[in-house]
Amino acid sequence: MKLAEALINRADAQKRLAALETRLINNARVQEGEKPAEDPTELLKELSALTQQIEDLLIRINLTNSRTVDQGDTLTALLSRRDAKGEELRILKNFLETASSLTHRSTRSEIRIVSTVNVAQLQKQADHLAAELRGLDVRIQALNWTTELIE
């Protein structure tokens, strides 16, 4: 199985886990003398099996990520770099949005609000960071589809 397939399976299992949680909660209590729509004992067994499946997938994915090396970087390092740069870009974009927003004045006597930074220069930096992030993502996706999952 390719790493990308394992990631898809993990996402699917996590969605099923969320649905299972809802089903458990919906069947946790009933009116006295009534039966739940689904047997909570069976749902709890399903929960245990599903969490074990997710744990196994996560172990194999993490081992694969830590042992897969591309151009001197492990996949784990690439993922960490992508996450960190993505967060940096998100914050930078929010900052730029605030720094570049216009404040309208009705009269000349009103206080003038100005940006504290060179917005155009920072926008170029954000564009460069976004391009770097896209390149990292392409590299990670390529590895995901060409790397065999560790057994």
N, C-alpha and C. Protein backbone atom coordinates (compact mmCIF):
# COMPACT_ATOMS: atom_id res chain seq x y z
N MET A 1 0.85 -1.17 0.00
CA MET A 1 0.00 0.00 0.00
C MET A 1 0.90 1.24 0.00
N LYS A 2 0.53 2.21 -0.80
CA LYS A 2 1.27 3.47 -0.85
C LYS A 2 0.90 4.32 0.37
N LEU A 3 1.81 5.19 0.73
CA LEU A 3 1.59 6.08 1.87
C LEU A 3 0.34 6.92 1.66
N ALA A 4 0.12 7.41 0.47
CA ALA A 4 -1.06 8.24 0.18
C ALA A 4 -2.35 7.46 0.45
N GLU A 5 -2.37 6.18 0.10
CA GLU A 5 -3.55 5.36 0.36
C GLU A 5 -3.79 5.22 1.86
N ALA A 6 -2.71 5.05 2.61
CA ALA A 6 -2.84 4.94 4.07
C ALA A 6 -3.38 6.25 4.66
N LEU A 7 -2.95 7.36 4.11
CA LEU A 7 -3.45 8.66 4.59
C LEU A 7 -4.94 8.81 4.29
N ILE A 8 -5.37 8.34 3.13
CA ILE A 8 -6.79 8.37 2.78
C ILE A 8 -7.58 7.46 3.72
N ASN A 9 -7.04 6.27 3.99
CA ASN A 9 -7.70 5.33 4.91
C ASN A 9 -7.79 5.92 6.32
N ARG A 10 -6.73 6.61 6.75
CA ARG A 10 -6.74 7.24 8.07
C ARG A 10 -7.83 8.30 8.14
N ALA A 11 -7.92 9.14 7.14
CA ALA A 11 -8.94 10.20 7.12
C ALA A 11 -10.34 9.59 7.15
N ASP A 12 -10.54 8.52 6.39
CA ASP A 12 -11.83 7.84 6.37
C ASP A 12 -12.15 7.26 7.75
N ALA A 13 -11.17 6.62 8.37
CA ALA A 13 -11.38 6.03 9.70
C ALA A 13 -11.68 7.11 10.73
N GLN A 14 -11.04 8.25 10.62
CA GLN A 14 -11.30 9.34 11.55
C GLN A 14 -12.72 9.90 11.37
N LYS A 15 -13.21 9.93 10.13
CA LYS A 15 -14.60 10.35 9.89
C LYS A 15 -15.57 9.33 10.48
N ARG A 16 -15.26 8.06 10.29
CA ARG A 16 -16.11 7.01 10.87
C ARG A 16 -16.10 7.07 12.39
N LEU A 17 -14.95 7.42 12.97
CA LEU A 17 -14.83 7.54 14.42
C LEU A 17 -15.72 8.67 14.93
N ALA A 18 -15.73 9.79 14.24
CA ALA A 18 -16.58 10.92 14.64
C ALA A 18 -18.06 10.53 14.56
N ALA A 19 -18.43 9.81 13.51
CA ALA A 19 -19.82 9.36 13.37
C ALA A 19 -20.17 8.36 14.47
N LEU A 20 -19.22 7.52 14.80
CA LEU A 20 -19.45 6.52 15.85
C LEU A 20 -19.66 7.19 17.20
N GLU A 21 -18.91 8.25 17.44
CA GLU A 21 -19.09 9.00 18.69
C GLU A 21 -20.52 9.53 18.78
N THR A 22 -21.02 10.09 17.70
CA THR A 22 -22.39 10.60 17.68
C THR A 22 -23.39 9.48 17.94
N ARG A 23 -23.17 8.35 17.28
CA ARG A 23 -24.07 7.20 17.48
C ARG A 23 -24.04 6.72 18.93
N LEU A 24 -22.87 6.70 19.54
CA LEU A 24 -22.77 6.29 20.95
C LEU A 24 -23.54 7.26 21.85
N ILE A 25 -23.33 8.55 21.63
CA ILE A 25 -24.01 9.55 22.45
C ILE A 25 -25.52 9.46 22.27
N ASN A 26 -25.96 9.24 21.03
CA ASN A 26 -27.41 9.14 20.76
C ASN A 26 -28.04 7.91 21.41
N ASN A 27 -27.24 6.92 21.72
CA ASN A 27 -27.77 5.68 22.30
C ASN A 27 -27.32 5.48 23.74
N ALA A 28 -26.83 6.51 24.38
CA ALA A 28 -26.35 6.41 25.75
C ALA A 28 -27.48 6.32 26.76
N ARG A 29 -28.61 6.96 26.45
CA ARG A 29 -29.73 6.97 27.38
C ARG A 29 -31.04 6.81 26.61
N VAL A 30 -31.97 6.13 27.24
CA VAL A 30 -33.32 5.99 26.68
C VAL A 30 -34.33 6.11 27.82
N GLN A 31 -35.54 6.31 27.43
CA GLN A 31 -36.61 6.33 28.42
C GLN A 31 -36.74 4.94 29.02
N GLU A 32 -37.02 4.89 30.31
CA GLU A 32 -37.17 3.61 30.99
C GLU A 32 -38.17 2.73 30.26
N GLY A 33 -37.80 1.47 30.05
CA GLY A 33 -38.67 0.52 29.36
C GLY A 33 -38.46 0.49 27.85
N GLU A 34 -37.70 1.45 27.30
CA GLU A 34 -37.41 1.51 25.87
C GLU A 34 -36.04 0.90 25.59
N LYS A 35 -35.82 0.56 24.32
CA LYS A 35 -34.52 0.05 23.90
C LYS A 35 -33.84 1.10 23.02
N PRO A 36 -32.53 1.17 23.09
CA PRO A 36 -31.83 2.13 22.22
C PRO A 36 -31.93 1.68 20.76
N ALA A 37 -31.78 2.62 19.85
CA ALA A 37 -31.83 2.30 18.42
C ALA A 37 -30.70 1.35 18.04
N GLU A 38 -29.55 1.50 18.70
CA GLU A 38 -28.41 0.61 18.46
C GLU A 38 -27.87 0.16 19.80
N ASP A 39 -27.32 -1.04 19.84
CA ASP A 39 -26.78 -1.60 21.07
C ASP A 39 -25.46 -0.91 21.42
N PRO A 40 -25.42 -0.18 22.53
CA PRO A 40 -24.19 0.52 22.92
C PRO A 40 -23.00 -0.42 23.12
N THR A 41 -23.25 -1.62 23.57
CA THR A 41 -22.16 -2.59 23.77
C THR A 41 -21.50 -2.91 22.44
N GLU A 42 -22.31 -3.10 21.40
CA GLU A 42 -21.76 -3.37 20.07
C GLU A 42 -21.03 -2.14 19.53
N LEU A 43 -21.58 -0.96 19.77
CA LEU A 43 -20.94 0.27 19.33
C LEU A 43 -19.59 0.45 20.03
N LEU A 44 -19.52 0.10 21.31
CA LEU A 44 -18.26 0.20 22.05
C LEU A 44 -17.21 -0.78 21.51
N LYS A 45 -17.67 -1.95 21.10
CA LYS A 45 -16.75 -2.91 20.47
C LYS A 45 -16.22 -2.34 19.15
N GLU A 46 -17.13 -1.73 18.39
CA GLU A 46 -16.75 -1.11 17.13
C GLU A 46 -15.76 0.04 17.38
N LEU A 47 -16.01 0.80 18.44
CA LEU A 47 -15.10 1.89 18.81
C LEU A 47 -13.70 1.36 19.09
N SER A 48 -13.62 0.30 19.85
CA SER A 48 -12.33 -0.28 20.20
C SER A 48 -11.60 -0.77 18.95
N ALA A 49 -12.30 -1.45 18.07
CA ALA A 49 -11.68 -1.96 16.84
C ALA A 49 -11.23 -0.82 15.93
N LEU A 50 -12.05 0.20 15.83
CA LEU A 50 -11.72 1.33 14.96
C LEU A 50 -10.53 2.12 15.50
N THR A 51 -10.50 2.36 16.80
CA THR A 51 -9.35 3.08 17.36
C THR A 51 -8.07 2.26 17.23
N GLN A 52 -8.17 0.96 17.31
CA GLN A 52 -6.99 0.10 17.10
C GLN A 52 -6.52 0.20 15.65
N GLN A 53 -7.46 0.23 14.72
CA GLN A 53 -7.12 0.38 13.30
C GLN A 53 -6.42 1.72 13.05
N ILE A 54 -6.94 2.77 13.65
CA ILE A 54 -6.33 4.10 13.49
C ILE A 54 -4.94 4.12 14.11
N GLU A 55 -4.80 3.53 15.28
CA GLU A 55 -3.49 3.48 15.93
C GLU A 55 -2.48 2.76 15.04
N ASP A 56 -2.86 1.62 14.50
CA ASP A 56 -1.97 0.86 13.63
C ASP A 56 -1.57 1.68 12.39
N LEU A 57 -2.54 2.33 11.79
CA LEU A 57 -2.24 3.18 10.63
C LEU A 57 -1.29 4.32 11.00
N LEU A 58 -1.56 4.97 12.13
CA LEU A 58 -0.72 6.08 12.56
C LEU A 58 0.72 5.64 12.82
N ILE A 59 0.88 4.49 13.44
CA ILE A 59 2.23 3.97 13.69
C ILE A 59 2.95 3.75 12.37
N ARG A 60 2.29 3.09 11.45
CA ARG A 60 2.93 2.79 10.15
C ARG A 60 3.21 4.07 9.35
N ILE A 61 2.27 5.00 9.39
CA ILE A 61 2.47 6.28 8.68
C ILE A 61 3.65 7.03 9.29
N ASN A 62 3.68 7.14 10.62
CA ASN A 62 4.76 7.87 11.28
C ASN A 62 6.11 7.21 11.05
N LEU A 63 6.17 5.88 11.10
CA LEU A 63 7.43 5.18 10.82
C LEU A 63 7.87 5.44 9.38
N THR A 64 6.93 5.37 8.47
CA THR A 64 7.24 5.61 7.06
C THR A 64 7.74 7.04 6.86
N ASN A 65 7.06 8.00 7.48
CA ASN A 65 7.46 9.40 7.35
C ASN A 65 8.87 9.64 7.90
N SER A 66 9.18 8.97 9.01
CA SER A 66 10.49 9.21 9.63
C SER A 66 11.62 8.50 8.89
N ARG A 67 11.31 7.48 8.11
CA ARG A 67 12.34 6.71 7.41
C ARG A 67 12.44 7.06 5.92
N THR A 68 11.51 7.86 5.43
CA THR A 68 11.54 8.25 4.02
C THR A 68 12.38 9.51 3.88
N VAL A 69 13.44 9.42 3.08
CA VAL A 69 14.35 10.56 2.91
C VAL A 69 14.33 11.00 1.45
N ASP A 70 14.23 12.32 1.26
CA ASP A 70 14.24 12.91 -0.07
C ASP A 70 15.16 14.12 -0.03
N GLN A 71 16.18 14.10 -0.84
CA GLN A 71 17.15 15.20 -0.92
C GLN A 71 17.68 15.57 0.46
N GLY A 72 17.94 14.56 1.28
CA GLY A 72 18.51 14.78 2.61
C GLY A 72 17.53 15.13 3.70
N ASP A 73 16.25 15.27 3.36
CA ASP A 73 15.21 15.60 4.34
C ASP A 73 14.29 14.40 4.54
N THR A 74 13.95 14.11 5.78
CA THR A 74 12.93 13.09 6.02
C THR A 74 11.57 13.67 5.69
N LEU A 75 10.64 12.81 5.42
CA LEU A 75 9.27 13.26 5.16
C LEU A 75 8.71 13.94 6.40
N THR A 76 9.08 13.46 7.57
CA THR A 76 8.65 14.10 8.83
C THR A 76 9.12 15.55 8.87
N ALA A 77 10.38 15.78 8.48
CA ALA A 77 10.92 17.15 8.47
C ALA A 77 10.18 18.01 7.46
N LEU A 78 9.90 17.45 6.29
CA LEU A 78 9.17 18.20 5.27
C LEU A 78 7.77 18.58 5.75
N LEU A 79 7.10 17.65 6.41
CA LEU A 79 5.75 17.92 6.93
C LEU A 79 5.80 19.01 8.01
N SER A 80 6.80 18.94 8.87
CA SER A 80 6.95 19.94 9.92
C SER A 80 7.23 21.32 9.31
N ARG A 81 8.08 21.34 8.30
CA ARG A 81 8.40 22.60 7.62
C ARG A 81 7.16 23.17 6.96
N ARG A 82 6.38 22.30 6.30
CA ARG A 82 5.15 22.76 5.65
C ARG A 82 4.17 23.34 6.67
N ASP A 83 4.01 22.66 7.81
CA ASP A 83 3.09 23.15 8.84
C ASP A 83 3.54 24.50 9.39
N ALA A 84 4.84 24.62 9.67
CA ALA A 84 5.36 25.87 10.24
C ALA A 84 5.24 27.02 9.24
N LYS A 85 5.61 26.77 7.99
CA LYS A 85 5.53 27.82 6.97
C LYS A 85 4.07 28.17 6.68
N GLY A 86 3.19 27.20 6.73
CA GLY A 86 1.77 27.46 6.52
C GLY A 86 1.21 28.37 7.61
N GLU A 87 1.63 28.14 8.83
CA GLU A 87 1.18 28.98 9.94
C GLU A 87 1.76 30.39 9.81
N GLU A 88 3.03 30.46 9.42
CA GLU A 88 3.66 31.77 9.20
C GLU A 88 2.92 32.54 8.12
N LEU A 89 2.59 31.87 7.01
CA LEU A 89 1.87 32.52 5.92
C LEU A 89 0.49 32.97 6.35
N ARG A 90 -0.20 32.16 7.10
CA ARG A 90 -1.54 32.52 7.58
C ARG A 90 -1.49 33.80 8.42
N ILE A 91 -0.54 33.86 9.34
CA ILE A 91 -0.41 35.03 10.21
C ILE A 91 0.01 36.25 9.40
N LEU A 92 0.95 36.06 8.49
CA LEU A 92 1.42 37.17 7.64
C LEU A 92 0.27 37.73 6.80
N LYS A 93 -0.56 36.87 6.23
CA LYS A 93 -1.70 37.34 5.43
C LYS A 93 -2.70 38.13 6.29
N ASN A 94 -2.96 37.64 7.50
CA ASN A 94 -3.87 38.36 8.40
C ASN A 94 -3.29 39.72 8.76
N PHE A 95 -1.99 39.76 9.03
CA PHE A 95 -1.33 41.03 9.34
C PHE A 95 -1.42 41.99 8.16
N LEU A 96 -1.14 41.47 6.96
CA LEU A 96 -1.19 42.31 5.76
C LEU A 96 -2.59 42.84 5.50
N GLU A 97 -3.58 42.03 5.78
CA GLU A 97 -4.96 42.47 5.59
C GLU A 97 -5.27 43.66 6.50
N THR A 98 -4.80 43.58 7.74
CA THR A 98 -5.01 44.68 8.68
C THR A 98 -4.18 45.90 8.29
N ALA A 99 -2.91 45.66 7.93
CA ALA A 99 -2.01 46.76 7.60
C ALA A 99 -2.44 47.50 6.34
N SER A 100 -3.10 46.82 5.43
CA SER A 100 -3.46 47.46 4.17
C SER A 100 -4.90 47.96 4.13
N SER A 101 -5.66 47.74 5.20
CA SER A 101 -7.05 48.21 5.18
C SER A 101 -7.08 49.73 5.27
N LEU A 102 -7.99 50.28 4.53
CA LEU A 102 -8.13 51.73 4.46
C LEU A 102 -9.06 52.22 5.56
N THR A 103 -8.69 53.35 6.13
CA THR A 103 -9.55 54.01 7.11
C THR A 103 -10.05 55.29 6.46
N HIS A 104 -11.35 55.41 6.35
CA HIS A 104 -11.94 56.59 5.70
C HIS A 104 -12.14 57.70 6.73
N ARG A 105 -11.79 58.90 6.28
CA ARG A 105 -11.97 60.08 7.13
C ARG A 105 -13.03 60.97 6.48
N SER A 106 -13.90 61.48 7.30
CA SER A 106 -14.92 62.39 6.78
C SER A 106 -14.37 63.80 6.62
N THR A 107 -13.52 64.20 7.54
CA THR A 107 -12.94 65.55 7.48
C THR A 107 -11.42 65.46 7.68
N ARG A 108 -10.74 66.53 7.29
CA ARG A 108 -9.28 66.56 7.43
C ARG A 108 -8.83 66.59 8.89
N SER A 109 -9.71 66.99 9.78
CA SER A 109 -9.34 67.11 11.18
C SER A 109 -9.35 65.77 11.92
N GLU A 110 -9.92 64.76 11.31
CA GLU A 110 -9.94 63.44 11.95
C GLU A 110 -8.54 62.84 11.96
N ILE A 111 -8.29 62.01 12.94
CA ILE A 111 -6.99 61.36 13.07
C ILE A 111 -6.74 60.46 11.87
N ARG A 112 -5.54 60.56 11.34
CA ARG A 112 -5.17 59.77 10.17
C ARG A 112 -4.52 58.46 10.65
N ILE A 113 -4.98 57.34 10.14
CA ILE A 113 -4.45 56.03 10.48
C ILE A 113 -3.58 55.57 9.32
N VAL A 114 -2.34 55.18 9.62
CA VAL A 114 -1.41 54.75 8.58
C VAL A 114 -0.83 53.38 8.92
N SER A 115 -0.35 52.71 7.92
CA SER A 115 0.26 51.40 8.10
C SER A 115 1.64 51.55 8.74
N THR A 116 2.02 50.59 9.54
CA THR A 116 3.32 50.62 10.22
C THR A 116 4.41 49.92 9.43
N VAL A 117 4.06 49.33 8.29
CA VAL A 117 5.02 48.56 7.48
C VAL A 117 4.83 48.88 6.00
N ASN A 118 5.80 48.46 5.22
CA ASN A 118 5.72 48.57 3.77
C ASN A 118 4.90 47.36 3.27
N VAL A 119 3.64 47.59 3.00
CA VAL A 119 2.72 46.51 2.65
C VAL A 119 3.15 45.82 1.35
N ALA A 120 3.55 46.58 0.35
CA ALA A 120 3.94 45.99 -0.94
C ALA A 120 5.13 45.05 -0.77
N GLN A 121 6.10 45.47 0.02
CA GLN A 121 7.29 44.62 0.24
C GLN A 121 6.91 43.35 0.99
N LEU A 122 6.08 43.47 2.01
CA LEU A 122 5.65 42.29 2.76
C LEU A 122 4.76 41.38 1.92
N GLN A 123 3.99 41.96 1.01
CA GLN A 123 3.15 41.14 0.13
C GLN A 123 4.03 40.28 -0.78
N LYS A 124 5.14 40.85 -1.25
CA LYS A 124 6.08 40.06 -2.07
C LYS A 124 6.66 38.93 -1.24
N GLN A 125 6.96 39.21 0.02
CA GLN A 125 7.47 38.16 0.91
C GLN A 125 6.42 37.07 1.11
N ALA A 126 5.17 37.46 1.28
CA ALA A 126 4.08 36.49 1.44
C ALA A 126 3.91 35.67 0.17
N ASP A 127 4.02 36.31 -0.99
CA ASP A 127 3.91 35.58 -2.26
C ASP A 127 5.03 34.56 -2.41
N HIS A 128 6.24 34.95 -2.02
CA HIS A 128 7.39 34.04 -2.07
C HIS A 128 7.18 32.86 -1.12
N LEU A 129 6.69 33.14 0.07
CA LEU A 129 6.42 32.10 1.06
C LEU A 129 5.34 31.14 0.56
N ALA A 130 4.31 31.69 -0.08
CA ALA A 130 3.24 30.85 -0.64
C ALA A 130 3.78 29.94 -1.73
N ALA A 131 4.66 30.46 -2.58
CA ALA A 131 5.26 29.64 -3.64
C ALA A 131 6.13 28.55 -3.04
N GLU A 132 6.87 28.88 -2.01
CA GLU A 132 7.71 27.89 -1.33
C GLU A 132 6.84 26.79 -0.71
N LEU A 133 5.73 27.21 -0.13
CA LEU A 133 4.80 26.27 0.48
C LEU A 133 4.19 25.33 -0.56
N ARG A 134 3.82 25.89 -1.72
CA ARG A 134 3.28 25.05 -2.80
C ARG A 134 4.32 24.04 -3.27
N GLY A 135 5.57 24.47 -3.38
CA GLY A 135 6.64 23.56 -3.78
C GLY A 135 6.84 22.44 -2.78
N LEU A 136 6.79 22.77 -1.51
CA LEU A 136 6.90 21.76 -0.46
C LEU A 136 5.75 20.77 -0.55
N ASP A 137 4.55 21.30 -0.76
CA ASP A 137 3.37 20.44 -0.82
C ASP A 137 3.45 19.48 -2.01
N VAL A 138 3.92 19.97 -3.14
CA VAL A 138 4.07 19.10 -4.33
C VAL A 138 5.08 17.99 -4.03
N ARG A 139 6.17 18.37 -3.40
CA ARG A 139 7.22 17.39 -3.05
C ARG A 139 6.66 16.33 -2.10
N ILE A 140 5.90 16.76 -1.09
CA ILE A 140 5.31 15.83 -0.12
C ILE A 140 4.31 14.91 -0.82
N GLN A 141 3.45 15.49 -1.66
CA GLN A 141 2.45 14.67 -2.36
C GLN A 141 3.11 13.63 -3.27
N ALA A 142 4.17 14.03 -3.94
CA ALA A 142 4.89 13.09 -4.80
C ALA A 142 5.44 11.93 -3.98
N LEU A 143 6.01 12.25 -2.83
CA LEU A 143 6.53 11.20 -1.95
C LEU A 143 5.40 10.30 -1.44
N ASN A 144 4.27 10.89 -1.11
CA ASN A 144 3.14 10.11 -0.62
C ASN A 144 2.68 9.07 -1.64
N TRP A 145 2.72 9.41 -2.91
CA TRP A 145 2.22 8.51 -3.94
C TRP A 145 3.29 7.54 -4.46
N THR A 146 4.54 7.73 -4.08
CA THR A 146 5.60 6.83 -4.55
C THR A 146 6.22 6.00 -3.43
N THR A 147 5.87 6.28 -2.19
CA THR A 147 6.47 5.60 -1.04
C THR A 147 5.57 4.48 -0.57
N GLU A 148 6.16 3.32 -0.39
CA GLU A 148 5.42 2.19 0.17
C GLU A 148 5.31 2.35 1.67
N LEU A 149 4.14 2.05 2.22
CA LEU A 149 3.92 2.12 3.64
C LEU A 149 4.67 0.99 4.33
N ILE A 150 5.36 1.30 5.41
CA ILE A 150 6.10 0.29 6.17
C ILE A 150 5.10 -0.66 6.82
N GLU A 151 5.40 -1.93 6.73
CA GLU A 151 4.51 -2.95 7.33
C GLU A 151 4.68 -3.05 8.79
